[in-house]
Amino acid sequence: MLKANQKYVLKNYMLQEAILLAQKGDFSMVQTLLHIARKPYDELPEFEHFTQETPEEYKNIGLSCSS
């Protein structure tokens, strides 16, 4: 099961946060998400909060390809 289902799935609200920070010159979230995307099946305890359900306030955020 662990080999078939990745632990980390990038979600729209995470990407939106990374975009907003990058627009201000802070690419730390981009680097974090890139690290997670490269190892979606690994145990990464420091990023465990990214495995949680999407917070209610972010459930309707949508991104377009141009984002």
PDB file of N, CA and C in Angstrom:
ATOM      1  N   MET A   1       0.825  -1.188   0.000  1.00  0.00           N
ATOM      2  CA  MET A   1       0.000   0.000   0.000  1.00  0.00           C
ATOM      3  C   MET A   1       0.875   1.260   0.000  1.00  0.00           C
ATOM      4  N   LEU A   2       1.928   1.286   0.820  1.00  0.00           N
ATOM      5  CA  LEU A   2       2.788   2.466   0.894  1.00  0.00           C
ATOM      6  C   LEU A   2       3.502   2.725  -0.425  1.00  0.00           C
ATOM      7  N   LYS A   3       3.783   1.676  -1.188  1.00  0.00           N
ATOM      8  CA  LYS A   3       4.462   1.845  -2.469  1.00  0.00           C
ATOM      9  C   LYS A   3       3.517   2.366  -3.545  1.00  0.00           C
ATOM     10  N   ALA A   4       2.217   2.167  -3.364  1.00  0.00           N
ATOM     11  CA  ALA A   4       1.230   2.576  -4.363  1.00  0.00           C
ATOM     12  C   ALA A   4       0.609   3.936  -4.059  1.00  0.00           C
ATOM     13  N   ASN A   5       0.622   4.329  -2.806  1.00  0.00           N
ATOM     14  CA  ASN A   5      -0.028   5.586  -2.400  1.00  0.00           C
ATOM     15  C   ASN A   5       0.995   6.510  -1.762  1.00  0.00           C
ATOM     16  N   GLN A   6       1.227   7.608  -2.429  1.00  0.00           N
ATOM     17  CA  GLN A   6       2.197   8.536  -1.857  1.00  0.00           C
ATOM     18  C   GLN A   6       1.644   9.192  -0.604  1.00  0.00           C
ATOM     19  N   LYS A   7       2.542   9.511   0.298  1.00  0.00           N
ATOM     20  CA  LYS A   7       2.163  10.129   1.565  1.00  0.00           C
ATOM     21  C   LYS A   7       1.886  11.616   1.391  1.00  0.00           C
ATOM     22  N   TYR A   8       2.655  12.254   0.527  1.00  0.00           N
ATOM     23  CA  TYR A   8       2.546  13.704   0.335  1.00  0.00           C
ATOM     24  C   TYR A   8       1.945  14.016  -1.027  1.00  0.00           C
ATOM     25  N   VAL A   9       0.879  14.796  -1.009  1.00  0.00           N
ATOM     26  CA  VAL A   9       0.227  15.260  -2.227  1.00  0.00           C
ATOM     27  C   VAL A   9       0.170  16.780  -2.141  1.00  0.00           C
ATOM     28  N   LEU A  10       0.768  17.440  -3.115  1.00  0.00           N
ATOM     29  CA  LEU A  10       0.730  18.900  -3.117  1.00  0.00           C
ATOM     30  C   LEU A  10      -0.691  19.358  -3.415  1.00  0.00           C
ATOM     31  N   LYS A  11      -1.155  20.298  -2.626  1.00  0.00           N
ATOM     32  CA  LYS A  11      -2.525  20.792  -2.759  1.00  0.00           C
ATOM     33  C   LYS A  11      -2.513  22.263  -3.152  1.00  0.00           C
ATOM     34  N   ASN A  12      -3.632  22.709  -3.707  1.00  0.00           N
ATOM     35  CA  ASN A  12      -3.722  24.079  -4.213  1.00  0.00           C
ATOM     36  C   ASN A  12      -3.326  25.127  -3.180  1.00  0.00           C
ATOM     37  N   TYR A  13      -3.776  24.984  -1.946  1.00  0.00           N
ATOM     38  CA  TYR A  13      -3.480  26.012  -0.950  1.00  0.00           C
ATOM     39  C   TYR A  13      -1.987  26.082  -0.647  1.00  0.00           C
ATOM     40  N   MET A  14      -1.300  24.955  -0.710  1.00  0.00           N
ATOM     41  CA  MET A  14       0.153  24.942  -0.497  1.00  0.00           C
ATOM     42  C   MET A  14       0.860  25.669  -1.634  1.00  0.00           C
ATOM     43  N   LEU A  15       0.425  25.379  -2.846  1.00  0.00           N
ATOM     44  CA  LEU A  15       1.012  26.024  -4.011  1.00  0.00           C
ATOM     45  C   LEU A  15       0.736  27.525  -4.017  1.00  0.00           C
ATOM     46  N   GLN A  16      -0.479  27.906  -3.620  1.00  0.00           N
ATOM     47  CA  GLN A  16      -0.821  29.330  -3.565  1.00  0.00           C
ATOM     48  C   GLN A  16       0.053  30.062  -2.558  1.00  0.00           C
ATOM     49  N   GLU A  17       0.282  29.449  -1.409  1.00  0.00           N
ATOM     50  CA  GLU A  17       1.162  30.056  -0.404  1.00  0.00           C
ATOM     51  C   GLU A  17       2.577  30.223  -0.964  1.00  0.00           C
ATOM     52  N   ALA A  18       3.062  29.207  -1.658  1.00  0.00           N
ATOM     53  CA  ALA A  18       4.401  29.281  -2.257  1.00  0.00           C
ATOM     54  C   ALA A  18       4.474  30.397  -3.303  1.00  0.00           C
ATOM     55  N   ILE A  19       3.431  30.539  -4.080  1.00  0.00           N
ATOM     56  CA  ILE A  19       3.389  31.602  -5.100  1.00  0.00           C
ATOM     57  C   ILE A  19       3.422  32.980  -4.451  1.00  0.00           C
ATOM     58  N   LEU A  20       2.598  33.170  -3.436  1.00  0.00           N
ATOM     59  CA  LEU A  20       2.539  34.479  -2.767  1.00  0.00           C
ATOM     60  C   LEU A  20       3.881  34.850  -2.136  1.00  0.00           C
ATOM     61  N   LEU A  21       4.524  33.883  -1.499  1.00  0.00           N
ATOM     62  CA  LEU A  21       5.832  34.145  -0.897  1.00  0.00           C
ATOM     63  C   LEU A  21       6.885  34.412  -1.974  1.00  0.00           C
ATOM     64  N   ALA A  22       6.849  33.658  -3.058  1.00  0.00           N
ATOM     65  CA  ALA A  22       7.825  33.835  -4.138  1.00  0.00           C
ATOM     66  C   ALA A  22       7.681  35.208  -4.783  1.00  0.00           C
ATOM     67  N   GLN A  23       6.468  35.697  -4.875  1.00  0.00           N
ATOM     68  CA  GLN A  23       6.247  37.031  -5.439  1.00  0.00           C
ATOM     69  C   GLN A  23       6.891  38.114  -4.572  1.00  0.00           C
ATOM     70  N   LYS A  24       7.115  37.786  -3.315  1.00  0.00           N
ATOM     71  CA  LYS A  24       7.782  38.709  -2.391  1.00  0.00           C
ATOM     72  C   LYS A  24       9.279  38.432  -2.290  1.00  0.00           C
ATOM     73  N   GLY A  25       9.755  37.477  -3.098  1.00  0.00           N
ATOM     74  CA  GLY A  25      11.176  37.158  -3.098  1.00  0.00           C
ATOM     75  C   GLY A  25      11.584  36.038  -2.154  1.00  0.00           C
ATOM     76  N   ASP A  26      10.626  35.426  -1.472  1.00  0.00           N
ATOM     77  CA  ASP A  26      10.907  34.339  -0.532  1.00  0.00           C
ATOM     78  C   ASP A  26      10.573  33.002  -1.197  1.00  0.00           C
ATOM     79  N   PHE A  27      11.583  32.259  -1.579  1.00  0.00           N
ATOM     80  CA  PHE A  27      11.379  31.006  -2.286  1.00  0.00           C
ATOM     81  C   PHE A  27      11.482  29.789  -1.360  1.00  0.00           C
ATOM     82  N   SER A  28      11.423  30.008  -0.060  1.00  0.00           N
ATOM     83  CA  SER A  28      11.572  28.902   0.894  1.00  0.00           C
ATOM     84  C   SER A  28      10.459  27.868   0.749  1.00  0.00           C
ATOM     85  N   MET A  29       9.232  28.298   0.557  1.00  0.00           N
ATOM     86  CA  MET A  29       8.113  27.365   0.417  1.00  0.00           C
ATOM     87  C   MET A  29       8.216  26.609  -0.912  1.00  0.00           C
ATOM     88  N   VAL A  30       8.685  27.275  -1.953  1.00  0.00           N
ATOM     89  CA  VAL A  30       8.906  26.601  -3.232  1.00  0.00           C
ATOM     90  C   VAL A  30       9.927  25.486  -3.039  1.00  0.00           C
ATOM     91  N   GLN A  31      11.006  25.774  -2.334  1.00  0.00           N
ATOM     92  CA  GLN A  31      12.042  24.769  -2.078  1.00  0.00           C
ATOM     93  C   GLN A  31      11.498  23.616  -1.232  1.00  0.00           C
ATOM     94  N   THR A  32      10.692  23.933  -0.240  1.00  0.00           N
ATOM     95  CA  THR A  32      10.094  22.904   0.609  1.00  0.00           C
ATOM     96  C   THR A  32       9.194  21.985  -0.201  1.00  0.00           C
ATOM     97  N   LEU A  33       8.315  22.571  -1.008  1.00  0.00           N
ATOM     98  CA  LEU A  33       7.395  21.766  -1.805  1.00  0.00           C
ATOM     99  C   LEU A  33       8.137  20.951  -2.860  1.00  0.00           C
ATOM    100  N   LEU A  34       9.186  21.503  -3.405  1.00  0.00           N
ATOM    101  CA  LEU A  34       9.997  20.767  -4.368  1.00  0.00           C
ATOM    102  C   LEU A  34      10.645  19.552  -3.695  1.00  0.00           C
ATOM    103  N   HIS A  35      11.140  19.744  -2.496  1.00  0.00           N
ATOM    104  CA  HIS A  35      11.742  18.641  -1.729  1.00  0.00           C
ATOM    105  C   HIS A  35      10.708  17.541  -1.482  1.00  0.00           C
ATOM    106  N   ILE A  36       9.520  17.932  -1.069  1.00  0.00           N
ATOM    107  CA  ILE A  36       8.447  16.974  -0.801  1.00  0.00           C
ATOM    108  C   ILE A  36       8.026  16.262  -2.089  1.00  0.00           C
ATOM    109  N   ALA A  37       7.903  17.013  -3.178  1.00  0.00           N
ATOM    110  CA  ALA A  37       7.477  16.423  -4.448  1.00  0.00           C
ATOM    111  C   ALA A  37       8.484  15.404  -4.970  1.00  0.00           C
ATOM    112  N   ARG A  38       9.733  15.581  -4.632  1.00  0.00           N
ATOM    113  CA  ARG A  38      10.763  14.634  -5.064  1.00  0.00           C
ATOM    114  C   ARG A  38      10.752  13.345  -4.242  1.00  0.00           C
ATOM    115  N   LYS A  39      10.128  13.382  -3.059  1.00  0.00           N
ATOM    116  CA  LYS A  39      10.120  12.214  -2.164  1.00  0.00           C
ATOM    117  C   LYS A  39       8.718  11.975  -1.599  1.00  0.00           C
ATOM    118  N   PRO A  40       7.718  11.827  -2.454  1.00  0.00           N
ATOM    119  CA  PRO A  40       6.339  11.751  -1.952  1.00  0.00           C
ATOM    120  C   PRO A  40       6.005  10.494  -1.151  1.00  0.00           C
ATOM    121  N   TYR A  41       6.827   9.456  -1.252  1.00  0.00           N
ATOM    122  CA  TYR A  41       6.564   8.210  -0.532  1.00  0.00           C
ATOM    123  C   TYR A  41       7.369   8.095   0.758  1.00  0.00           C
ATOM    124  N   ASP A  42       8.315   8.985   0.956  1.00  0.00           N
ATOM    125  CA  ASP A  42       9.201   8.909   2.118  1.00  0.00           C
ATOM    126  C   ASP A  42       8.532   9.434   3.386  1.00  0.00           C
ATOM    127  N   GLU A  43       9.067   9.012   4.509  1.00  0.00           N
ATOM    128  CA  GLU A  43       8.668   9.568   5.800  1.00  0.00           C
ATOM    129  C   GLU A  43       9.505  10.822   6.016  1.00  0.00           C
ATOM    130  N   LEU A  44       8.863  11.956   6.086  1.00  0.00           N
ATOM    131  CA  LEU A  44       9.537  13.232   6.302  1.00  0.00           C
ATOM    132  C   LEU A  44       8.882  13.897   7.515  1.00  0.00           C
ATOM    133  N   PRO A  45       9.294  13.506   8.711  1.00  0.00           N
ATOM    134  CA  PRO A  45       8.631  13.979   9.938  1.00  0.00           C
ATOM    135  C   PRO A  45       8.497  15.498  10.038  1.00  0.00           C
ATOM    136  N   GLU A  46       9.491  16.220   9.534  1.00  0.00           N
ATOM    137  CA  GLU A  46       9.430  17.680   9.637  1.00  0.00           C
ATOM    138  C   GLU A  46       8.336  18.286   8.755  1.00  0.00           C
ATOM    139  N   PHE A  47       7.786  17.488   7.835  1.00  0.00           N
ATOM    140  CA  PHE A  47       6.742  17.977   6.939  1.00  0.00           C
ATOM    141  C   PHE A  47       5.420  17.250   7.145  1.00  0.00           C
ATOM    142  N   GLU A  48       5.282  16.607   8.297  1.00  0.00           N
ATOM    143  CA  GLU A  48       4.079  15.837   8.598  1.00  0.00           C
ATOM    144  C   GLU A  48       2.806  16.685   8.474  1.00  0.00           C
ATOM    145  N   HIS A  49       2.892  17.975   8.770  1.00  0.00           N
ATOM    146  CA  HIS A  49       1.708  18.838   8.687  1.00  0.00           C
ATOM    147  C   HIS A  49       1.158  18.937   7.265  1.00  0.00           C
ATOM    148  N   PHE A  50       1.972  18.600   6.264  1.00  0.00           N
ATOM    149  CA  PHE A  50       1.503  18.632   4.882  1.00  0.00           C
ATOM    150  C   PHE A  50       0.660  17.400   4.531  1.00  0.00           C
ATOM    151  N   THR A  51       0.544  16.449   5.437  1.00  0.00           N
ATOM    152  CA  THR A  51      -0.275  15.261   5.186  1.00  0.00           C
ATOM    153  C   THR A  51      -1.701  15.440   5.704  1.00  0.00           C
ATOM    154  N   GLN A  52      -1.952  16.521   6.389  1.00  0.00           N
ATOM    155  CA  GLN A  52      -3.267  16.746   6.974  1.00  0.00           C
ATOM    156  C   GLN A  52      -4.293  17.130   5.907  1.00  0.00           C
ATOM    157  N   GLU A  53      -5.543  16.993   6.262  1.00  0.00           N
ATOM    158  CA  GLU A  53      -6.631  17.385   5.369  1.00  0.00           C
ATOM    159  C   GLU A  53      -6.537  18.884   5.076  1.00  0.00           C
ATOM    160  N   THR A  54      -6.981  19.269   3.915  1.00  0.00           N
ATOM    161  CA  THR A  54      -6.984  20.676   3.530  1.00  0.00           C
ATOM    162  C   THR A  54      -7.823  21.471   4.532  1.00  0.00           C
ATOM    163  N   PRO A  55      -7.265  22.551   5.093  1.00  0.00           N
ATOM    164  CA  PRO A  55      -8.048  23.385   6.019  1.00  0.00           C
ATOM    165  C   PRO A  55      -9.311  23.925   5.329  1.00  0.00           C
ATOM    166  N   GLU A  56     -10.368  24.012   6.074  1.00  0.00           N
ATOM    167  CA  GLU A  56     -11.670  24.430   5.544  1.00  0.00           C
ATOM    168  C   GLU A  56     -11.601  25.729   4.741  1.00  0.00           C
ATOM    169  N   GLU A  57     -10.834  26.705   5.239  1.00  0.00           N
ATOM    170  CA  GLU A  57     -10.783  28.012   4.575  1.00  0.00           C
ATOM    171  C   GLU A  57     -10.102  27.966   3.213  1.00  0.00           C
ATOM    172  N   TYR A  58      -9.437  26.859   2.905  1.00  0.00           N
ATOM    173  CA  TYR A  58      -8.730  26.737   1.628  1.00  0.00           C
ATOM    174  C   TYR A  58      -9.368  25.735   0.670  1.00  0.00           C
ATOM    175  N   LYS A  59     -10.476  25.145   1.044  1.00  0.00           N
ATOM    176  CA  LYS A  59     -11.051  24.065   0.236  1.00  0.00           C
ATOM    177  C   LYS A  59     -11.544  24.511  -1.134  1.00  0.00           C
ATOM    178  N   ASN A  60     -11.818  25.779  -1.354  1.00  0.00           N
ATOM    179  CA  ASN A  60     -12.331  26.234  -2.642  1.00  0.00           C
ATOM    180  C   ASN A  60     -11.337  27.017  -3.463  1.00  0.00           C
ATOM    181  N   ILE A  61     -10.070  26.987  -3.079  1.00  0.00           N
ATOM    182  CA  ILE A  61      -9.041  27.688  -3.860  1.00  0.00           C
ATOM    183  C   ILE A  61      -8.743  26.893  -5.116  1.00  0.00           C
ATOM    184  N   GLY A  62      -8.693  27.584  -6.243  1.00  0.00           N
ATOM    185  CA  GLY A  62      -8.338  26.950  -7.504  1.00  0.00           C
ATOM    186  C   GLY A  62      -7.211  27.703  -8.147  1.00  0.00           C
ATOM    187  N   LEU A  63      -6.323  26.995  -8.793  1.00  0.00           N
ATOM    188  CA  LEU A  63      -5.217  27.618  -9.512  1.00  0.00           C
ATOM    189  C   LEU A  63      -5.340  27.273 -10.990  1.00  0.00           C
ATOM    190  N   SER A  64      -4.947  28.191 -11.818  1.00  0.00           N
ATOM    191  CA  SER A  64      -4.946  27.910 -13.253  1.00  0.00           C
ATOM    192  C   SER A  64      -3.532  27.555 -13.687  1.00  0.00           C
ATOM    193  N   CYS A  65      -3.409  27.086 -14.894  1.00  0.00           N
ATOM    194  CA  CYS A  65      -2.089  26.731 -15.418  1.00  0.00           C
ATOM    195  C   CYS A  65      -1.166  27.954 -15.490  1.00  0.00           C
ATOM    196  N   SER A  66      -1.742  29.126 -15.586  1.00  0.00           N
ATOM    197  CA  SER A  66      -0.930  30.338 -15.684  1.00  0.00           C
ATOM    198  C   SER A  66      -0.408  30.813 -14.328  1.00  0.00           C
ATOM    199  N   SER A  67      -0.864  30.168 -13.244  1.00  0.00           N
ATOM    200  CA  SER A  67      -0.390  30.537 -11.919  1.00  0.00           C
ATOM    201  C   SER A  67       1.049  30.177 -11.845  1.00  0.00           C
TER     202      SER A  67
END
